[in-house]
PDB file of N, CA and C in Angstrom:
ATOM      1  N   MET A   1      37.653 -48.228  36.624  1.00  0.00           N
ATOM      2  CA  MET A   1      38.835 -47.683  36.019  1.00  0.00           C
ATOM      3  C   MET A   1      38.882 -46.164  36.235  1.00  0.00           C
ATOM      4  N   ILE A   2      37.752 -45.506  36.052  1.00  0.00           N
ATOM      5  CA  ILE A   2      37.718 -44.055  36.255  1.00  0.00           C
ATOM      6  C   ILE A   2      38.046 -43.740  37.709  1.00  0.00           C
ATOM      7  N   PHE A   3      37.535 -44.554  38.636  1.00  0.00           N
ATOM      8  CA  PHE A   3      37.821 -44.327  40.053  1.00  0.00           C
ATOM      9  C   PHE A   3      39.311 -44.452  40.323  1.00  0.00           C
ATOM     10  N   LEU A   4      39.952 -45.497  39.778  1.00  0.00           N
ATOM     11  CA  LEU A   4      41.393 -45.678  39.986  1.00  0.00           C
ATOM     12  C   LEU A   4      42.195 -44.536  39.381  1.00  0.00           C
ATOM     13  N   ILE A   5      41.830 -44.121  38.206  1.00  0.00           N
ATOM     14  CA  ILE A   5      42.563 -43.043  37.538  1.00  0.00           C
ATOM     15  C   ILE A   5      42.525 -41.765  38.374  1.00  0.00           C
ATOM     16  N   ASN A   6      41.411 -41.508  39.006  1.00  0.00           N
ATOM     17  CA  ASN A   6      41.237 -40.232  39.692  1.00  0.00           C
ATOM     18  C   ASN A   6      41.531 -40.253  41.177  1.00  0.00           C
ATOM     19  N   THR A   7      41.693 -41.420  41.785  1.00  0.00           N
ATOM     20  CA  THR A   7      41.913 -41.448  43.227  1.00  0.00           C
ATOM     21  C   THR A   7      43.258 -42.022  43.632  1.00  0.00           C
ATOM     22  N   GLU A   8      43.861 -42.840  42.821  1.00  0.00           N
ATOM     23  CA  GLU A   8      45.146 -43.447  43.177  1.00  0.00           C
ATOM     24  C   GLU A   8      46.224 -42.368  43.179  1.00  0.00           C
ATOM     25  N   THR A   9      46.891 -42.198  44.317  1.00  0.00           N
ATOM     26  CA  THR A   9      47.849 -41.096  44.446  1.00  0.00           C
ATOM     27  C   THR A   9      49.099 -41.306  43.607  1.00  0.00           C
ATOM     28  N   ASN A  10      49.498 -42.543  43.374  1.00  0.00           N
ATOM     29  CA  ASN A  10      50.722 -42.793  42.612  1.00  0.00           C
ATOM     30  C   ASN A  10      50.524 -42.690  41.109  1.00  0.00           C
ATOM     31  N   SER A  11      49.311 -42.854  40.632  1.00  0.00           N
ATOM     32  CA  SER A  11      49.096 -42.818  39.186  1.00  0.00           C
ATOM     33  C   SER A  11      48.017 -41.815  38.802  1.00  0.00           C
ATOM     34  N   ARG A  12      47.850 -40.793  39.582  1.00  0.00           N
ATOM     35  CA  ARG A  12      46.812 -39.801  39.316  1.00  0.00           C
ATOM     36  C   ARG A  12      47.175 -39.002  38.068  1.00  0.00           C
ATOM     37  N   PHE A  13      46.261 -38.954  37.110  1.00  0.00           N
ATOM     38  CA  PHE A  13      46.510 -38.239  35.871  1.00  0.00           C
ATOM     39  C   PHE A  13      46.234 -36.744  36.016  1.00  0.00           C
ATOM     40  N   PHE A  14      45.226 -36.416  36.779  1.00  0.00           N
ATOM     41  CA  PHE A  14      44.818 -35.026  36.914  1.00  0.00           C
ATOM     42  C   PHE A  14      44.898 -34.637  38.381  1.00  0.00           C
ATOM     43  N   HIS A  15      45.594 -33.554  38.674  1.00  0.00           N
ATOM     44  CA  HIS A  15      45.792 -33.165  40.063  1.00  0.00           C
ATOM     45  C   HIS A  15      44.766 -32.152  40.554  1.00  0.00           C
ATOM     46  N   GLU A  16      43.973 -31.603  39.669  1.00  0.00           N
ATOM     47  CA  GLU A  16      42.947 -30.644  40.066  1.00  0.00           C
ATOM     48  C   GLU A  16      41.682 -31.385  40.478  1.00  0.00           C
ATOM     49  N   PRO A  17      41.183 -31.184  41.717  1.00  0.00           N
ATOM     50  CA  PRO A  17      39.981 -31.899  42.150  1.00  0.00           C
ATOM     51  C   PRO A  17      38.758 -31.569  41.302  1.00  0.00           C
ATOM     52  N   GLY A  18      38.641 -30.348  40.811  1.00  0.00           N
ATOM     53  CA  GLY A  18      37.503 -29.989  39.978  1.00  0.00           C
ATOM     54  C   GLY A  18      37.485 -30.758  38.670  1.00  0.00           C
ATOM     55  N   PHE A  19      38.646 -30.981  38.099  1.00  0.00           N
ATOM     56  CA  PHE A  19      38.713 -31.732  36.847  1.00  0.00           C
ATOM     57  C   PHE A  19      38.402 -33.208  37.086  1.00  0.00           C
ATOM     58  N   ARG A  20      38.856 -33.744  38.213  1.00  0.00           N
ATOM     59  CA  ARG A  20      38.537 -35.142  38.544  1.00  0.00           C
ATOM     60  C   ARG A  20      37.033 -35.310  38.692  1.00  0.00           C
ATOM     61  N   PHE A  21      36.383 -34.343  39.334  1.00  0.00           N
ATOM     62  CA  PHE A  21      34.932 -34.382  39.466  1.00  0.00           C
ATOM     63  C   PHE A  21      34.272 -34.376  38.094  1.00  0.00           C
ATOM     64  N   LEU A  22      34.775 -33.561  37.189  1.00  0.00           N
ATOM     65  CA  LEU A  22      34.215 -33.467  35.844  1.00  0.00           C
ATOM     66  C   LEU A  22      34.332 -34.801  35.106  1.00  0.00           C
ATOM     67  N   VAL A  23      35.460 -35.482  35.246  1.00  0.00           N
ATOM     68  CA  VAL A  23      35.654 -36.773  34.580  1.00  0.00           C
ATOM     69  C   VAL A  23      34.672 -37.810  35.120  1.00  0.00           C
ATOM     70  N   ILE A  24      34.545 -37.894  36.443  1.00  0.00           N
ATOM     71  CA  ILE A  24      33.644 -38.880  37.042  1.00  0.00           C
ATOM     72  C   ILE A  24      32.189 -38.566  36.689  1.00  0.00           C
ATOM     73  N   ALA A  25      31.792 -37.311  36.776  1.00  0.00           N
ATOM     74  CA  ALA A  25      30.415 -36.926  36.453  1.00  0.00           C
ATOM     75  C   ALA A  25      30.101 -37.183  34.982  1.00  0.00           C
ATOM     76  N   SER A  26      31.050 -36.930  34.106  1.00  0.00           N
ATOM     77  CA  SER A  26      30.838 -37.182  32.674  1.00  0.00           C
ATOM     78  C   SER A  26      30.679 -38.670  32.396  1.00  0.00           C
ATOM     79  N   ALA A  27      31.508 -39.490  33.027  1.00  0.00           N
ATOM     80  CA  ALA A  27      31.400 -40.942  32.837  1.00  0.00           C
ATOM     81  C   ALA A  27      30.055 -41.451  33.340  1.00  0.00           C
ATOM     82  N   TYR A  28      29.603 -40.924  34.463  1.00  0.00           N
ATOM     83  CA  TYR A  28      28.307 -41.321  35.010  1.00  0.00           C
ATOM     84  C   TYR A  28      27.175 -40.904  34.071  1.00  0.00           C
ATOM     85  N   ALA A  29      27.240 -39.691  33.550  1.00  0.00           N
ATOM     86  CA  ALA A  29      26.200 -39.200  32.643  1.00  0.00           C
ATOM     87  C   ALA A  29      26.143 -40.030  31.363  1.00  0.00           C
ATOM     88  N   VAL A  30      27.299 -40.393  30.835  1.00  0.00           N
ATOM     89  CA  VAL A  30      27.332 -41.224  29.624  1.00  0.00           C
ATOM     90  C   VAL A  30      26.740 -42.601  29.913  1.00  0.00           C
ATOM     91  N   ALA A  31      27.082 -43.184  31.060  1.00  0.00           N
ATOM     92  CA  ALA A  31      26.552 -44.506  31.413  1.00  0.00           C
ATOM     93  C   ALA A  31      25.033 -44.467  31.572  1.00  0.00           C
ATOM     94  N   VAL A  32      24.514 -43.433  32.207  1.00  0.00           N
ATOM     95  CA  VAL A  32      23.062 -43.309  32.368  1.00  0.00           C
ATOM     96  C   VAL A  32      22.395 -43.130  31.010  1.00  0.00           C
ATOM     97  N   GLU A  33      22.974 -42.321  30.157  1.00  0.00           N
ATOM     98  CA  GLU A  33      22.378 -42.081  28.838  1.00  0.00           C
ATOM     99  C   GLU A  33      22.379 -43.356  27.988  1.00  0.00           C
ATOM    100  N   LEU A  34      23.447 -44.146  28.078  1.00  0.00           N
ATOM    101  CA  LEU A  34      23.514 -45.379  27.293  1.00  0.00           C
ATOM    102  C   LEU A  34      22.510 -46.425  27.769  1.00  0.00           C
ATOM    103  N   THR A  35      22.127 -46.383  29.035  1.00  0.00           N
ATOM    104  CA  THR A  35      21.186 -47.377  29.556  1.00  0.00           C
ATOM    105  C   THR A  35      19.759 -46.846  29.643  1.00  0.00           C
ATOM    106  N   ARG A  36      19.529 -45.635  29.203  1.00  0.00           N
ATOM    107  CA  ARG A  36      18.202 -45.020  29.348  1.00  0.00           C
ATOM    108  C   ARG A  36      17.106 -45.820  28.643  1.00  0.00           C
ATOM    109  N   LYS A  37      17.320 -46.221  27.414  1.00  0.00           N
ATOM    110  CA  LYS A  37      16.277 -46.920  26.661  1.00  0.00           C
ATOM    111  C   LYS A  37      16.091 -48.350  27.161  1.00  0.00           C
ATOM    112  N   LEU A  38      17.184 -48.994  27.517  1.00  0.00           N
ATOM    113  CA  LEU A  38      17.127 -50.403  27.897  1.00  0.00           C
ATOM    114  C   LEU A  38      16.627 -50.606  29.320  1.00  0.00           C
ATOM    115  N   ALA A  39      17.102 -49.802  30.261  1.00  0.00           N
ATOM    116  CA  ALA A  39      16.766 -50.033  31.669  1.00  0.00           C
ATOM    117  C   ALA A  39      16.253 -48.788  32.363  1.00  0.00           C
ATOM    118  N   GLY A  40      15.832 -47.800  31.626  1.00  0.00           N
ATOM    119  CA  GLY A  40      15.337 -46.589  32.256  1.00  0.00           C
ATOM    120  C   GLY A  40      16.419 -45.760  32.915  1.00  0.00           C
ATOM    121  N   GLY A  41      17.649 -45.873  32.457  1.00  0.00           N
ATOM    122  CA  GLY A  41      18.752 -45.097  33.010  1.00  0.00           C
ATOM    123  C   GLY A  41      19.416 -45.733  34.206  1.00  0.00           C
ATOM    124  N   SER A  42      19.172 -47.004  34.443  1.00  0.00           N
ATOM    125  CA  SER A  42      19.766 -47.677  35.596  1.00  0.00           C
ATOM    126  C   SER A  42      21.144 -48.213  35.245  1.00  0.00           C
ATOM    127  N   ILE A  43      22.113 -47.952  36.118  1.00  0.00           N
ATOM    128  CA  ILE A  43      23.455 -48.493  35.925  1.00  0.00           C
ATOM    129  C   ILE A  43      23.602 -49.809  36.679  1.00  0.00           C
ATOM    130  N   ASN A  44      22.786 -50.007  37.696  1.00  0.00           N
ATOM    131  CA  ASN A  44      22.830 -51.229  38.489  1.00  0.00           C
ATOM    132  C   ASN A  44      22.174 -52.362  37.696  1.00  0.00           C
ATOM    133  N   PRO A  45      22.918 -53.427  37.353  1.00  0.00           N
ATOM    134  CA  PRO A  45      22.329 -54.491  36.543  1.00  0.00           C
ATOM    135  C   PRO A  45      21.205 -55.238  37.258  1.00  0.00           C
ATOM    136  N   ALA A  46      21.267 -55.364  38.577  1.00  0.00           N
ATOM    137  CA  ALA A  46      20.196 -56.052  39.301  1.00  0.00           C
ATOM    138  C   ALA A  46      18.890 -55.268  39.189  1.00  0.00           C
ATOM    139  N   TYR A  47      18.978 -53.958  39.326  1.00  0.00           N
ATOM    140  CA  TYR A  47      17.784 -53.121  39.200  1.00  0.00           C
ATOM    141  C   TYR A  47      17.245 -53.162  37.768  1.00  0.00           C
ATOM    142  N   GLY A  48      18.132 -53.065  36.781  1.00  0.00           N
ATOM    143  CA  GLY A  48      17.704 -53.112  35.390  1.00  0.00           C
ATOM    144  C   GLY A  48      17.043 -54.434  35.035  1.00  0.00           C
ATOM    145  N   LEU A  49      17.584 -55.521  35.562  1.00  0.00           N
ATOM    146  CA  LEU A  49      16.997 -56.839  35.329  1.00  0.00           C
ATOM    147  C   LEU A  49      15.601 -56.906  35.942  1.00  0.00           C
ATOM    148  N   CYS A  50      15.458 -56.397  37.154  1.00  0.00           N
ATOM    149  CA  CYS A  50      14.151 -56.407  37.817  1.00  0.00           C
ATOM    150  C   CYS A  50      13.134 -55.546  37.082  1.00  0.00           C
ATOM    151  N   VAL A  51      13.577 -54.413  36.550  1.00  0.00           N
ATOM    152  CA  VAL A  51      12.667 -53.552  35.784  1.00  0.00           C
ATOM    153  C   VAL A  51      12.144 -54.307  34.568  1.00  0.00           C
ATOM    154  N   ASN A  52      13.018 -54.985  33.847  1.00  0.00           N
ATOM    155  CA  ASN A  52      12.584 -55.717  32.652  1.00  0.00           C
ATOM    156  C   ASN A  52      11.678 -56.889  33.005  1.00  0.00           C
ATOM    157  N   ILE A  53      11.979 -57.603  34.078  1.00  0.00           N
ATOM    158  CA  ILE A  53      11.123 -58.724  34.485  1.00  0.00           C
ATOM    159  C   ILE A  53       9.752 -58.206  34.916  1.00  0.00           C
ATOM    160  N   THR A  54       9.728 -57.104  35.654  1.00  0.00           N
ATOM    161  CA  THR A  54       8.457 -56.519  36.084  1.00  0.00           C
ATOM    162  C   THR A  54       7.641 -56.041  34.887  1.00  0.00           C
ATOM    163  N   MET A  55       8.303 -55.423  33.915  1.00  0.00           N
ATOM    164  CA  MET A  55       7.591 -54.987  32.710  1.00  0.00           C
ATOM    165  C   MET A  55       7.039 -56.189  31.946  1.00  0.00           C
ATOM    166  N   PHE A  56       7.791 -57.286  31.912  1.00  0.00           N
ATOM    167  CA  PHE A  56       7.313 -58.502  31.245  1.00  0.00           C
ATOM    168  C   PHE A  56       6.086 -59.050  31.965  1.00  0.00           C
ATOM    169  N   MET A  57       6.143 -59.072  33.301  1.00  0.00           N
ATOM    170  CA  MET A  57       5.004 -59.589  34.067  1.00  0.00           C
ATOM    171  C   MET A  57       3.786 -58.679  33.911  1.00  0.00           C
ATOM    172  N   ASP A  58       4.010 -57.393  33.727  1.00  0.00           N
ATOM    173  CA  ASP A  58       2.914 -56.441  33.589  1.00  0.00           C
ATOM    174  C   ASP A  58       2.266 -56.524  32.210  1.00  0.00           C
ATOM    175  N   THR A  59       3.082 -56.599  31.161  1.00  0.00           N
ATOM    176  CA  THR A  59       2.534 -56.581  29.801  1.00  0.00           C
ATOM    177  C   THR A  59       2.328 -57.973  29.223  1.00  0.00           C
ATOM    178  N   GLY A  60       3.127 -58.928  29.644  1.00  0.00           N
ATOM    179  CA  GLY A  60       3.017 -60.278  29.113  1.00  0.00           C
ATOM    180  C   GLY A  60       3.686 -60.453  27.763  1.00  0.00           C
ATOM    181  N   LYS A  61       4.342 -59.413  27.259  1.00  0.00           N
ATOM    182  CA  LYS A  61       5.033 -59.498  25.977  1.00  0.00           C
ATOM    183  C   LYS A  61       6.478 -59.912  26.212  1.00  0.00           C
ATOM    184  N   GLY A  62       7.036 -60.627  25.266  1.00  0.00           N
ATOM    185  CA  GLY A  62       8.414 -61.086  25.393  1.00  0.00           C
ATOM    186  C   GLY A  62       9.454 -60.062  24.993  1.00  0.00           C
ATOM    187  N   GLU A  63       9.017 -58.894  24.547  1.00  0.00           N
ATOM    188  CA  GLU A  63       9.952 -57.856  24.096  1.00  0.00           C
ATOM    189  C   GLU A  63      10.867 -57.385  25.222  1.00  0.00           C
ATOM    190  N   GLU A  64      10.362 -57.361  26.454  1.00  0.00           N
ATOM    191  CA  GLU A  64      11.167 -56.902  27.588  1.00  0.00           C
ATOM    192  C   GLU A  64      12.291 -57.880  27.922  1.00  0.00           C
ATOM    193  N   LEU A  65      12.098 -59.153  27.602  1.00  0.00           N
ATOM    194  CA  LEU A  65      13.113 -60.162  27.914  1.00  0.00           C
ATOM    195  C   LEU A  65      14.147 -60.311  26.799  1.00  0.00           C
ATOM    196  N   LYS A  66      14.014 -59.510  25.767  1.00  0.00           N
ATOM    197  CA  LYS A  66      14.926 -59.592  24.626  1.00  0.00           C
ATOM    198  C   LYS A  66      16.369 -59.302  25.029  1.00  0.00           C
ATOM    199  N   TRP A  67      16.578 -58.386  25.961  1.00  0.00           N
ATOM    200  CA  TRP A  67      17.922 -57.969  26.357  1.00  0.00           C
ATOM    201  C   TRP A  67      18.340 -58.518  27.717  1.00  0.00           C
ATOM    202  N   ILE A  68      17.649 -59.509  28.217  1.00  0.00           N
ATOM    203  CA  ILE A  68      17.950 -60.016  29.561  1.00  0.00           C
ATOM    204  C   ILE A  68      19.346 -60.643  29.642  1.00  0.00           C
ATOM    205  N   TRP A  69      19.833 -61.156  28.534  1.00  0.00           N
ATOM    206  CA  TRP A  69      21.163 -61.772  28.528  1.00  0.00           C
ATOM    207  C   TRP A  69      22.251 -60.747  28.844  1.00  0.00           C
ATOM    208  N   LEU A  70      21.990 -59.472  28.520  1.00  0.00           N
ATOM    209  CA  LEU A  70      22.969 -58.428  28.836  1.00  0.00           C
ATOM    210  C   LEU A  70      23.196 -58.305  30.336  1.00  0.00           C
ATOM    211  N   TYR A  71      22.116 -58.381  31.097  1.00  0.00           N
ATOM    212  CA  TYR A  71      22.225 -58.227  32.545  1.00  0.00           C
ATOM    213  C   TYR A  71      22.919 -59.420  33.199  1.00  0.00           C
ATOM    214  N   ILE A  72      22.884 -60.545  32.555  1.00  0.00           N
ATOM    215  CA  ILE A  72      23.527 -61.739  33.111  1.00  0.00           C
ATOM    216  C   ILE A  72      24.980 -61.832  32.653  1.00  0.00           C
ATOM    217  N   LEU A  73      25.249 -61.547  31.408  1.00  0.00           N
ATOM    218  CA  LEU A  73      26.580 -61.739  30.844  1.00  0.00           C
ATOM    219  C   LEU A  73      27.536 -60.568  31.088  1.00  0.00           C
ATOM    220  N   LEU A  74      27.065 -59.354  30.941  1.00  0.00           N
ATOM    221  CA  LEU A  74      27.961 -58.198  30.976  1.00  0.00           C
ATOM    222  C   LEU A  74      28.623 -57.913  32.327  1.00  0.00           C
ATOM    223  N   PRO A  75      28.002 -58.191  33.479  1.00  0.00           N
ATOM    224  CA  PRO A  75      28.767 -58.018  34.722  1.00  0.00           C
ATOM    225  C   PRO A  75      29.999 -58.921  34.785  1.00  0.00           C
ATOM    226  N   PHE A  76      29.886 -60.137  34.272  1.00  0.00           N
ATOM    227  CA  PHE A  76      31.050 -61.027  34.237  1.00  0.00           C
ATOM    228  C   PHE A  76      32.095 -60.526  33.240  1.00  0.00           C
ATOM    229  N   ALA A  77      31.633 -60.037  32.094  1.00  0.00           N
ATOM    230  CA  ALA A  77      32.567 -59.486  31.108  1.00  0.00           C
ATOM    231  C   ALA A  77      33.272 -58.248  31.664  1.00  0.00           C
ATOM    232  N   GLY A  78      32.546 -57.414  32.387  1.00  0.00           N
ATOM    233  CA  GLY A  78      33.150 -56.232  32.996  1.00  0.00           C
ATOM    234  C   GLY A  78      34.179 -56.586  34.048  1.00  0.00           C
ATOM    235  N   SER A  79      33.898 -57.606  34.857  1.00  0.00           N
ATOM    236  CA  SER A  79      34.880 -58.005  35.871  1.00  0.00           C
ATOM    237  C   SER A  79      36.112 -58.617  35.214  1.00  0.00           C
ATOM    238  N   PHE A  80      35.927 -59.319  34.111  1.00  0.00           N
ATOM    239  CA  PHE A  80      37.067 -59.875  33.386  1.00  0.00           C
ATOM    240  C   PHE A  80      37.927 -58.756  32.791  1.00  0.00           C
ATOM    241  N   LEU A  81      37.291 -57.738  32.222  1.00  0.00           N
ATOM    242  CA  LEU A  81      38.042 -56.594  31.690  1.00  0.00           C
ATOM    243  C   LEU A  81      38.766 -55.837  32.801  1.00  0.00           C
ATOM    244  N   ALA A  82      38.141 -55.736  33.969  1.00  0.00           N
ATOM    245  CA  ALA A  82      38.802 -55.077  35.103  1.00  0.00           C
ATOM    246  C   ALA A  82      40.025 -55.871  35.545  1.00  0.00           C
ATOM    247  N   LEU A  83      39.932 -57.195  35.523  1.00  0.00           N
ATOM    248  CA  LEU A  83      41.074 -58.040  35.867  1.00  0.00           C
ATOM    249  C   LEU A  83      42.211 -57.828  34.878  1.00  0.00           C
ATOM    250  N   ILE A  84      41.896 -57.806  33.597  1.00  0.00           N
ATOM    251  CA  ILE A  84      42.922 -57.585  32.574  1.00  0.00           C
ATOM    252  C   ILE A  84      43.556 -56.207  32.752  1.00  0.00           C
ATOM    253  N   PHE A  85      42.740 -55.189  32.985  1.00  0.00           N
ATOM    254  CA  PHE A  85      43.264 -53.843  33.203  1.00  0.00           C
ATOM    255  C   PHE A  85      44.197 -53.821  34.404  1.00  0.00           C
ATOM    256  N   HIS A  86      43.786 -54.455  35.490  1.00  0.00           N
ATOM    257  CA  HIS A  86      44.599 -54.439  36.709  1.00  0.00           C
ATOM    258  C   HIS A  86      45.917 -55.169  36.505  1.00  0.00           C
ATOM    259  N   GLU A  87      45.874 -56.338  35.888  1.00  0.00           N
ATOM    260  CA  GLU A  87      47.080 -57.154  35.743  1.00  0.00           C
ATOM    261  C   GLU A  87      48.066 -56.575  34.736  1.00  0.00           C
ATOM    262  N   PHE A  88      47.576 -56.067  33.622  1.00  0.00           N
ATOM    263  CA  PHE A  88      48.482 -55.676  32.546  1.00  0.00           C
ATOM    264  C   PHE A  88      48.772 -54.178  32.470  1.00  0.00           C
ATOM    265  N   ILE A  89      47.922 -53.353  33.020  1.00  0.00           N
ATOM    266  CA  ILE A  89      48.155 -51.914  32.926  1.00  0.00           C
ATOM    267  C   ILE A  89      48.475 -51.318  34.286  1.00  0.00           C
ATOM    268  N   PHE A  90      47.613 -51.530  35.268  1.00  0.00           N
ATOM    269  CA  PHE A  90      47.791 -50.893  36.567  1.00  0.00           C
ATOM    270  C   PHE A  90      49.047 -51.390  37.276  1.00  0.00           C
ATOM    271  N   LYS A  91      49.273 -52.709  37.301  1.00  0.00           N
ATOM    272  CA  LYS A  91      50.461 -53.246  37.974  1.00  0.00           C
ATOM    273  C   LYS A  91      51.738 -52.767  37.302  1.00  0.00           C
ATOM    274  N   LYS A  92      51.759 -52.735  35.984  1.00  0.00           N
ATOM    275  CA  LYS A  92      52.952 -52.280  35.267  1.00  0.00           C
ATOM    276  C   LYS A  92      53.216 -50.803  35.546  1.00  0.00           C
ATOM    277  N   THR A  93      52.155 -50.015  35.636  1.00  0.00           N
ATOM    278  CA  THR A  93      52.320 -48.604  35.969  1.00  0.00           C
ATOM    279  C   THR A  93      52.907 -48.452  37.359  1.00  0.00           C
ATOM    280  N   GLN A  94      52.404 -49.233  38.312  1.00  0.00           N
ATOM    281  CA  GLN A  94      52.916 -49.164  39.676  1.00  0.00           C
ATOM    282  C   GLN A  94      54.380 -49.586  39.733  1.00  0.00           C
ATOM    283  N   GLU A  95      54.730 -50.677  39.033  1.00  0.00           N
ATOM    284  CA  GLU A  95      56.122 -51.140  39.020  1.00  0.00           C
ATOM    285  C   GLU A  95      57.027 -50.082  38.400  1.00  0.00           C
ATOM    286  N   GLY A  96      56.587 -49.474  37.318  1.00  0.00           N
ATOM    287  CA  GLY A  96      57.375 -48.428  36.672  1.00  0.00           C
ATOM    288  C   GLY A  96      57.565 -47.221  37.571  1.00  0.00           C
ATOM    289  N   MET A  97      56.537 -46.856  38.313  1.00  0.00           N
ATOM    290  CA  MET A  97      56.655 -45.712  39.218  1.00  0.00           C
ATOM    291  C   MET A  97      57.576 -46.033  40.391  1.00  0.00           C
ATOM    292  N   GLU A  98      57.547 -47.280  40.873  1.00  0.00           N
ATOM    293  CA  GLU A  98      58.457 -47.666  41.953  1.00  0.00           C
ATOM    294  C   GLU A  98      59.905 -47.625  41.474  1.00  0.00           C
ATOM    295  N   GLU A  99      60.151 -48.113  40.249  1.00  0.00           N
ATOM    296  CA  GLU A  99      61.510 -48.063  39.699  1.00  0.00           C
ATOM    297  C   GLU A  99      61.964 -46.617  39.499  1.00  0.00           C
ATOM    298  N   LEU A 100      61.080 -45.779  39.025  1.00  0.00           N
ATOM    299  CA  LEU A 100      61.403 -44.364  38.848  1.00  0.00           C
ATOM    300  C   LEU A 100      61.709 -43.710  40.190  1.00  0.00           C
ATOM    301  N   ASP A 101      60.955 -44.072  41.206  1.00  0.00           N
ATOM    302  CA  ASP A 101      61.183 -43.530  42.543  1.00  0.00           C
ATOM    303  C   ASP A 101      62.541 -43.974  43.078  1.00  0.00           C
ATOM    304  N   LYS A 102      62.888 -45.247  42.864  1.00  0.00           N
ATOM    305  CA  LYS A 102      64.188 -45.753  43.319  1.00  0.00           C
ATOM    306  C   LYS A 102      65.332 -45.070  42.575  1.00  0.00           C
ATOM    307  N   SER A 103      65.184 -44.910  41.271  1.00  0.00           N
ATOM    308  CA  SER A 103      66.265 -44.303  40.492  1.00  0.00           C
ATOM    309  C   SER A 103      66.429 -42.816  40.816  1.00  0.00           C
ATOM    310  N   SER A 104      65.342 -42.149  41.177  1.00  0.00           N
ATOM    311  CA  SER A 104      65.462 -40.727  41.515  1.00  0.00           C
ATOM    312  C   SER A 104      66.158 -40.532  42.857  1.00  0.00           C
ATOM    313  N   ARG A 105      66.056 -41.516  43.757  1.00  0.00           N
ATOM    314  CA  ARG A 105      66.754 -41.433  45.037  1.00  0.00           C
ATOM    315  C   ARG A 105      68.174 -41.958  44.930  1.00  0.00           C
ATOM    316  N   GLY A 106      68.425 -42.816  43.960  1.00  0.00           N
ATOM    317  CA  GLY A 106      69.768 -43.351  43.767  1.00  0.00           C
ATOM    318  C   GLY A 106      70.104 -44.533  44.652  1.00  0.00           C
ATOM    319  N   ASN A 107      69.135 -45.086  45.336  1.00  0.00           N
ATOM    320  CA  ASN A 107      69.388 -46.276  46.149  1.00  0.00           C
ATOM    321  C   ASN A 107      68.172 -47.184  46.113  1.00  0.00           C
ATOM    322  N   ASP A 108      68.277 -48.303  46.795  1.00  0.00           N
ATOM    323  CA  ASP A 108      67.192 -49.280  46.776  1.00  0.00           C
ATOM    324  C   ASP A 108      66.354 -49.247  48.050  1.00  0.00           C
ATOM    325  N   GLU A 109      66.426 -48.171  48.812  1.00  0.00           N
ATOM    326  CA  GLU A 109      65.631 -48.080  50.027  1.00  0.00           C
ATOM    327  C   GLU A 109      64.175 -47.814  49.660  1.00  0.00           C
ATOM    328  N   PRO A 110      63.253 -48.327  50.464  1.00  0.00           N
ATOM    329  CA  PRO A 110      61.848 -48.024  50.190  1.00  0.00           C
ATOM    330  C   PRO A 110      61.564 -46.545  50.423  1.00  0.00           C
ATOM    331  N   SER A 111      60.573 -46.011  49.717  1.00  0.00           N
ATOM    332  CA  SER A 111      60.265 -44.589  49.839  1.00  0.00           C
ATOM    333  C   SER A 111      59.639 -44.259  51.191  1.00  0.00           C
ATOM    334  N   TYR A 112      59.085 -45.250  51.865  1.00  0.00           N
ATOM    335  CA  TYR A 112      58.469 -45.012  53.164  1.00  0.00           C
ATOM    336  C   TYR A 112      59.118 -45.912  54.184  1.00  0.00           C
ATOM    337  N   THR A 113      59.605 -45.329  55.237  1.00  0.00           N
ATOM    338  CA  THR A 113      60.154 -46.127  56.331  1.00  0.00           C
ATOM    339  C   THR A 113      59.259 -45.925  57.538  1.00  0.00           C
ATOM    340  N   PRO A 114      58.731 -47.020  58.089  1.00  0.00           N
ATOM    341  CA  PRO A 114      57.861 -46.868  59.247  1.00  0.00           C
ATOM    342  C   PRO A 114      58.639 -46.330  60.440  1.00  0.00           C
ATOM    343  N   PRO A 115      57.995 -45.558  61.301  1.00  0.00           N
ATOM    344  CA  PRO A 115      58.700 -45.013  62.464  1.00  0.00           C
ATOM    345  C   PRO A 115      59.152 -46.121  63.401  1.00  0.00           C
ATOM    346  N   GLN A 116      60.300 -45.911  63.996  1.00  0.00           N
ATOM    347  CA  GLN A 116      60.854 -46.890  64.932  1.00  0.00           C
ATOM    348  C   GLN A 116      60.241 -46.669  66.309  1.00  0.00           C
ATOM    349  N   VAL A 117      59.902 -47.766  66.958  1.00  0.00           N
ATOM    350  CA  VAL A 117      59.334 -47.697  68.296  1.00  0.00           C
ATOM    351  C   VAL A 117      60.474 -47.837  69.292  1.00  0.00           C
ATOM    352  N   ALA A 118      60.533 -46.922  70.217  1.00  0.00           N
ATOM    353  CA  ALA A 118      61.599 -46.965  71.228  1.00  0.00           C
ATOM    354  C   ALA A 118      61.308 -48.075  72.228  1.00  0.00           C
ATOM    355  N   THR A 119      62.289 -48.913  72.463  1.00  0.00           N
ATOM    356  CA  THR A 119      62.152 -49.985  73.452  1.00  0.00           C
ATOM    357  C   THR A 119      63.175 -49.779  74.548  1.00  0.00           C
ATOM    358  N   GLU A 120      62.828 -50.166  75.744  1.00  0.00           N
ATOM    359  CA  GLU A 120      63.752 -49.998  76.865  1.00  0.00           C
ATOM    360  C   GLU A 120      64.357 -51.311  77.252  1.00  0.00           C
TER     361      GLU A 120
END
């Protein structure tokens, strides 16, 4: 979502590249901090899962496997939330911007017309 907000040209919230960098870096820092205790700061669920399994094999205690369900369930939950965001927010924003673009021109022509190729 942060990537779409900062890179999509039609729905870009912030036009300053420095501010976009700040938003992405802040989101990354928050994600690393939230996973620090559970996975050693790993954002990649496969790596975090492997760290916990390796710690379990090393110590033999079941405490490391206590949060293993997070690594299995949350990637699916995240993809489901991304689908909902795309279908209900991003598409509606794009449709609204297309309508605004059409109304500002006063006609129904597309905003981009591909160049015509000359044929003989």
